[in-house]
Amino acid sequence: MKPIRKGCALRRPCLGTLVVAASLTCAACADEQATTMADAQNAAQVRSGKLVYEQRCASCHGADLKGQPDWRSKLPSGRMPAPPHDDSGHTWHHADDILFGITKFGVAPHYAPPGYQSDMPAFGSTLTDQQIWDALAYIKSRWSPRARDAQAQIQKQRGK
C-alpha cells in the first residue's frame, strides 16, 4: 500500500482542476448570457439583427420600424395592425424577455389575453433564439436614448 502524500504535490492537481472547472463554468455562463439578451451596443449583434429584421419583420412592421398605418385601430378582420417598433410605438414599454416571448411564441396567452387573435406569427420554428435576440438588439438600437433608458428601467424593475 502506498503512503498518502501530503503537501503541494496533491493540492496542485486539485487546484488546477478547480480552476479549469471554474473557467468552463464561466465560459458557459458567458455563452448563455450572449444568447439571452438584446444588446443595442453590440455592433455585431445589431448587424445580424438588421438582416433578420429586414427578412422577417419589415414586411409588417416597416423597414423604418413605423408599423402599419393606423396601428391603434382594428382591421376589418378584428385584429390589430402591426405596431411600430420605433419610439412612437410601445415596444420599448416591454422587457426583453417579453419581447423575446412574443417573437418566439407569437401573441398568444401569457403574452395576450385568452382568445386574442393576431397576425403576428410565432417565429420559434423559423428563427433561432439567437436570431430573435439579434433582431431585438437591432430594434433597440433604433430607439432614442430616452426610450432606451426607460426600457432599461423596466428591465431593472423586472430584475433582468
C-alpha atoms as a PDB file:
ATOM      1  CA  MET A   1       0.000   0.000   0.000  1.00  0.00           C
ATOM      2  CA  LYS A   2       1.351   3.434  -0.986  1.00  0.00           C
ATOM      3  CA  PRO A   3       1.679   6.071   1.676  1.00  0.00           C
ATOM      4  CA  ILE A   4      -0.670   9.084   1.470  1.00  0.00           C
ATOM      5  CA  ARG A   5       1.205  12.109   0.268  1.00  0.00           C
ATOM      6  CA  LYS A   6       0.820  15.388   1.969  1.00  0.00           C
ATOM      7  CA  GLY A   7       1.718  18.775   0.687  1.00  0.00           C
ATOM      8  CA  CYS A   8       1.618  20.666  -2.607  1.00  0.00           C
ATOM      9  CA  ALA A   9       2.015  17.655  -4.901  1.00  0.00           C
ATOM     10  CA  LEU A  10      -1.581  16.622  -4.299  1.00  0.00           C
ATOM     11  CA  ARG A  11      -3.022  20.091  -3.990  1.00  0.00           C
ATOM     12  CA  ARG A  12      -1.810  21.378  -7.337  1.00  0.00           C
ATOM     13  CA  PRO A  13      -3.784  18.930  -9.450  1.00  0.00           C
ATOM     14  CA  CYS A  14      -6.869  19.617  -7.349  1.00  0.00           C
ATOM     15  CA  LEU A  15      -6.416  23.358  -7.601  1.00  0.00           C
ATOM     16  CA  GLY A  16      -5.759  23.045 -11.338  1.00  0.00           C
ATOM     17  CA  THR A  17      -8.911  21.005 -11.759  1.00  0.00           C
ATOM     18  CA  LEU A  18     -10.911  23.606  -9.860  1.00  0.00           C
ATOM     19  CA  VAL A  19      -9.515  26.435 -11.979  1.00  0.00           C
ATOM     20  CA  VAL A  20     -10.349  24.590 -15.211  1.00  0.00           C
ATOM     21  CA  ALA A  21     -13.835  23.723 -13.949  1.00  0.00           C
ATOM     22  CA  ALA A  22     -14.453  27.320 -12.885  1.00  0.00           C
ATOM     23  CA  SER A  23     -13.224  28.595 -16.253  1.00  0.00           C
ATOM     24  CA  LEU A  24     -15.538  26.244 -18.126  1.00  0.00           C
ATOM     25  CA  THR A  25     -18.439  27.277 -15.926  1.00  0.00           C
ATOM     26  CA  CYS A  26     -17.733  30.967 -16.538  1.00  0.00           C
ATOM     27  CA  ALA A  27     -17.405  30.340 -20.278  1.00  0.00           C
ATOM     28  CA  ALA A  28     -20.750  28.526 -20.282  1.00  0.00           C
ATOM     29  CA  CYS A  29     -22.349  31.421 -18.403  1.00  0.00           C
ATOM     30  CA  ALA A  30     -20.891  33.924 -20.860  1.00  0.00           C
ATOM     31  CA  ASP A  31     -22.218  31.890 -23.803  1.00  0.00           C
ATOM     32  CA  GLU A  32     -25.647  31.666 -22.170  1.00  0.00           C
ATOM     33  CA  GLN A  33     -25.742  35.398 -21.476  1.00  0.00           C
ATOM     34  CA  ALA A  34     -24.625  36.203 -25.008  1.00  0.00           C
ATOM     35  CA  THR A  35     -27.647  34.319 -26.324  1.00  0.00           C
ATOM     36  CA  THR A  36     -30.186  35.634 -23.827  1.00  0.00           C
ATOM     37  CA  MET A  37     -30.024  39.357 -24.286  1.00  0.00           C
ATOM     38  CA  ALA A  38     -30.567  42.019 -26.874  1.00  0.00           C
ATOM     39  CA  ASP A  39     -27.621  44.395 -26.671  1.00  0.00           C
ATOM     40  CA  ALA A  40     -28.106  47.525 -28.743  1.00  0.00           C
ATOM     41  CA  GLN A  41     -24.446  48.411 -28.099  1.00  0.00           C
ATOM     42  CA  ASN A  42     -23.151  45.155 -29.624  1.00  0.00           C
ATOM     43  CA  ALA A  43     -22.372  46.113 -33.239  1.00  0.00           C
ATOM     44  CA  ALA A  44     -22.134  42.514 -34.472  1.00  0.00           C
ATOM     45  CA  GLN A  45     -25.461  41.589 -32.891  1.00  0.00           C
ATOM     46  CA  VAL A  46     -27.112  44.707 -34.313  1.00  0.00           C
ATOM     47  CA  ARG A  47     -25.741  43.975 -37.818  1.00  0.00           C
ATOM     48  CA  SER A  48     -27.040  40.418 -37.661  1.00  0.00           C
ATOM     49  CA  GLY A  49     -30.348  41.634 -36.260  1.00  0.00           C
ATOM     50  CA  LYS A  50     -30.763  44.147 -39.065  1.00  0.00           C
ATOM     51  CA  LEU A  51     -30.627  41.312 -41.600  1.00  0.00           C
ATOM     52  CA  VAL A  52     -33.142  39.249 -39.634  1.00  0.00           C
ATOM     53  CA  TYR A  53     -35.419  42.267 -39.248  1.00  0.00           C
ATOM     54  CA  GLU A  54     -35.260  43.089 -42.965  1.00  0.00           C
ATOM     55  CA  GLN A  55     -36.037  39.481 -43.938  1.00  0.00           C
ATOM     56  CA  ARG A  56     -38.690  38.609 -41.334  1.00  0.00           C
ATOM     57  CA  CYS A  57     -40.131  41.726 -39.695  1.00  0.00           C
ATOM     58  CA  ALA A  58     -40.031  44.674 -42.080  1.00  0.00           C
ATOM     59  CA  SER A  59     -42.841  43.394 -44.301  1.00  0.00           C
ATOM     60  CA  CYS A  60     -45.302  44.100 -41.459  1.00  0.00           C
ATOM     61  CA  HIS A  61     -43.526  46.461 -39.089  1.00  0.00           C
ATOM     62  CA  GLY A  62     -41.924  48.541 -41.854  1.00  0.00           C
ATOM     63  CA  ALA A  63     -38.334  48.951 -42.993  1.00  0.00           C
ATOM     64  CA  ASP A  64     -38.281  52.166 -40.966  1.00  0.00           C
ATOM     65  CA  LEU A  65     -39.913  50.462 -37.915  1.00  0.00           C
ATOM     66  CA  LYS A  66     -43.013  52.712 -38.297  1.00  0.00           C
ATOM     67  CA  GLY A  67     -45.532  49.836 -38.268  1.00  0.00           C
ATOM     68  CA  GLN A  68     -48.713  49.636 -40.289  1.00  0.00           C
ATOM     69  CA  PRO A  69     -50.919  52.702 -40.809  1.00  0.00           C
ATOM     70  CA  ASP A  70     -53.485  53.418 -38.122  1.00  0.00           C
ATOM     71  CA  TRP A  71     -51.934  50.708 -35.950  1.00  0.00           C
ATOM     72  CA  ARG A  72     -54.126  51.545 -32.942  1.00  0.00           C
ATOM     73  CA  SER A  73     -57.381  50.739 -34.761  1.00  0.00           C
ATOM     74  CA  LYS A  74     -58.670  47.248 -35.518  1.00  0.00           C
ATOM     75  CA  LEU A  75     -58.515  45.924 -39.038  1.00  0.00           C
ATOM     76  CA  PRO A  76     -61.732  44.691 -40.735  1.00  0.00           C
ATOM     77  CA  SER A  77     -60.677  41.198 -39.585  1.00  0.00           C
ATOM     78  CA  GLY A  78     -60.913  42.404 -35.971  1.00  0.00           C
ATOM     79  CA  ARG A  79     -57.170  42.018 -35.496  1.00  0.00           C
ATOM     80  CA  MET A  80     -54.756  44.809 -34.731  1.00  0.00           C
ATOM     81  CA  PRO A  81     -52.254  46.093 -37.323  1.00  0.00           C
ATOM     82  CA  ALA A  82     -48.542  45.621 -36.714  1.00  0.00           C
ATOM     83  CA  PRO A  83     -47.368  48.316 -34.296  1.00  0.00           C
ATOM     84  CA  PRO A  84     -44.275  50.424 -34.822  1.00  0.00           C
ATOM     85  CA  HIS A  85     -41.044  49.380 -33.170  1.00  0.00           C
ATOM     86  CA  ASP A  86     -39.658  52.916 -33.026  1.00  0.00           C
ATOM     87  CA  ASP A  87     -40.233  55.376 -30.186  1.00  0.00           C
ATOM     88  CA  SER A  88     -43.801  56.083 -31.339  1.00  0.00           C
ATOM     89  CA  GLY A  89     -44.894  52.537 -30.528  1.00  0.00           C
ATOM     90  CA  HIS A  90     -44.996  50.565 -27.308  1.00  0.00           C
ATOM     91  CA  THR A  91     -42.236  48.021 -27.925  1.00  0.00           C
ATOM     92  CA  TRP A  92     -39.880  49.867 -25.592  1.00  0.00           C
ATOM     93  CA  HIS A  93     -42.514  49.593 -22.828  1.00  0.00           C
ATOM     94  CA  HIS A  94     -41.763  45.872 -22.527  1.00  0.00           C
ATOM     95  CA  ALA A  95     -38.841  43.987 -21.007  1.00  0.00           C
ATOM     96  CA  ASP A  96     -36.612  41.961 -23.319  1.00  0.00           C
ATOM     97  CA  ASP A  97     -37.933  38.604 -22.110  1.00  0.00           C
ATOM     98  CA  ILE A  98     -41.483  39.655 -23.011  1.00  0.00           C
ATOM     99  CA  LEU A  99     -40.405  40.854 -26.460  1.00  0.00           C
ATOM    100  CA  PHE A 100     -38.480  37.618 -26.953  1.00  0.00           C
ATOM    101  CA  GLY A 101     -41.505  35.535 -25.939  1.00  0.00           C
ATOM    102  CA  ILE A 102     -43.867  37.397 -28.249  1.00  0.00           C
ATOM    103  CA  THR A 103     -41.452  36.943 -31.134  1.00  0.00           C
ATOM    104  CA  LYS A 104     -40.781  33.281 -30.430  1.00  0.00           C
ATOM    105  CA  PHE A 105     -44.289  32.145 -29.427  1.00  0.00           C
ATOM    106  CA  GLY A 106     -46.483  34.784 -31.073  1.00  0.00           C
ATOM    107  CA  VAL A 107     -49.113  36.957 -29.457  1.00  0.00           C
ATOM    108  CA  ALA A 108     -50.673  34.106 -27.513  1.00  0.00           C
ATOM    109  CA  PRO A 109     -51.804  33.527 -23.929  1.00  0.00           C
ATOM    110  CA  HIS A 110     -49.196  34.609 -21.446  1.00  0.00           C
ATOM    111  CA  TYR A 111     -48.406  37.452 -23.838  1.00  0.00           C
ATOM    112  CA  ALA A 112     -52.009  38.366 -24.651  1.00  0.00           C
ATOM    113  CA  PRO A 113     -55.481  37.804 -23.201  1.00  0.00           C
ATOM    114  CA  PRO A 114     -57.170  34.449 -23.911  1.00  0.00           C
ATOM    115  CA  GLY A 115     -58.880  34.468 -27.271  1.00  0.00           C
ATOM    116  CA  TYR A 116     -56.808  37.371 -28.613  1.00  0.00           C
ATOM    117  CA  GLN A 117     -56.062  36.882 -32.287  1.00  0.00           C
ATOM    118  CA  SER A 118     -53.119  38.404 -34.046  1.00  0.00           C
ATOM    119  CA  ASP A 119     -51.467  38.286 -37.415  1.00  0.00           C
ATOM    120  CA  MET A 120     -48.105  38.149 -35.607  1.00  0.00           C
ATOM    121  CA  PRO A 121     -46.672  34.705 -36.329  1.00  0.00           C
ATOM    122  CA  ALA A 122     -44.651  32.690 -33.860  1.00  0.00           C
ATOM    123  CA  PHE A 123     -41.080  32.630 -35.142  1.00  0.00           C
ATOM    124  CA  GLY A 124     -39.860  29.869 -32.826  1.00  0.00           C
ATOM    125  CA  SER A 125     -39.798  27.291 -35.590  1.00  0.00           C
ATOM    126  CA  THR A 126     -38.213  29.535 -38.233  1.00  0.00           C
ATOM    127  CA  LEU A 127     -35.689  31.617 -36.280  1.00  0.00           C
ATOM    128  CA  THR A 128     -33.116  30.545 -33.743  1.00  0.00           C
ATOM    129  CA  ASP A 129     -33.171  32.109 -30.303  1.00  0.00           C
ATOM    130  CA  GLN A 130     -30.008  33.998 -31.240  1.00  0.00           C
ATOM    131  CA  GLN A 131     -31.644  35.423 -34.371  1.00  0.00           C
ATOM    132  CA  ILE A 132     -34.562  36.626 -32.257  1.00  0.00           C
ATOM    133  CA  TRP A 133     -32.213  38.295 -29.750  1.00  0.00           C
ATOM    134  CA  ASP A 134     -30.289  39.845 -32.649  1.00  0.00           C
ATOM    135  CA  ALA A 135     -33.460  41.274 -34.209  1.00  0.00           C
ATOM    136  CA  LEU A 136     -34.430  42.739 -30.837  1.00  0.00           C
ATOM    137  CA  ALA A 137     -30.950  44.262 -30.484  1.00  0.00           C
ATOM    138  CA  TYR A 138     -31.398  45.912 -33.873  1.00  0.00           C
ATOM    139  CA  ILE A 139     -34.813  47.274 -32.900  1.00  0.00           C
ATOM    140  CA  LYS A 140     -33.429  48.633 -29.620  1.00  0.00           C
ATOM    141  CA  SER A 141     -30.505  50.233 -31.465  1.00  0.00           C
ATOM    142  CA  ARG A 142     -33.006  52.399 -33.340  1.00  0.00           C
ATOM    143  CA  TRP A 143     -34.617  53.822 -30.201  1.00  0.00           C
ATOM    144  CA  SER A 144     -33.779  57.243 -28.826  1.00  0.00           C
ATOM    145  CA  PRO A 145     -31.613  57.394 -25.693  1.00  0.00           C
ATOM    146  CA  ARG A 146     -34.768  58.339 -23.756  1.00  0.00           C
ATOM    147  CA  ALA A 147     -36.639  55.205 -24.885  1.00  0.00           C
ATOM    148  CA  ARG A 148     -33.592  53.009 -24.215  1.00  0.00           C
ATOM    149  CA  ASP A 149     -33.240  54.443 -20.712  1.00  0.00           C
ATOM    150  CA  ALA A 150     -36.940  53.914 -19.995  1.00  0.00           C
ATOM    151  CA  GLN A 151     -36.777  50.313 -21.217  1.00  0.00           C
ATOM    152  CA  ALA A 152     -33.619  49.720 -19.154  1.00  0.00           C
ATOM    153  CA  GLN A 153     -35.587  50.815 -16.072  1.00  0.00           C
ATOM    154  CA  ILE A 154     -38.323  48.338 -16.964  1.00  0.00           C
ATOM    155  CA  GLN A 155     -35.654  45.640 -17.275  1.00  0.00           C
ATOM    156  CA  LYS A 156     -34.242  46.624 -13.895  1.00  0.00           C
ATOM    157  CA  GLN A 157     -37.666  46.524 -12.220  1.00  0.00           C
ATOM    158  CA  ARG A 158     -38.159  43.011 -13.542  1.00  0.00           C
ATOM    159  CA  GLY A 159     -34.751  42.011 -12.203  1.00  0.00           C
ATOM    160  CA  LYS A 160     -33.363  41.377 -15.679  1.00  0.00           C
END
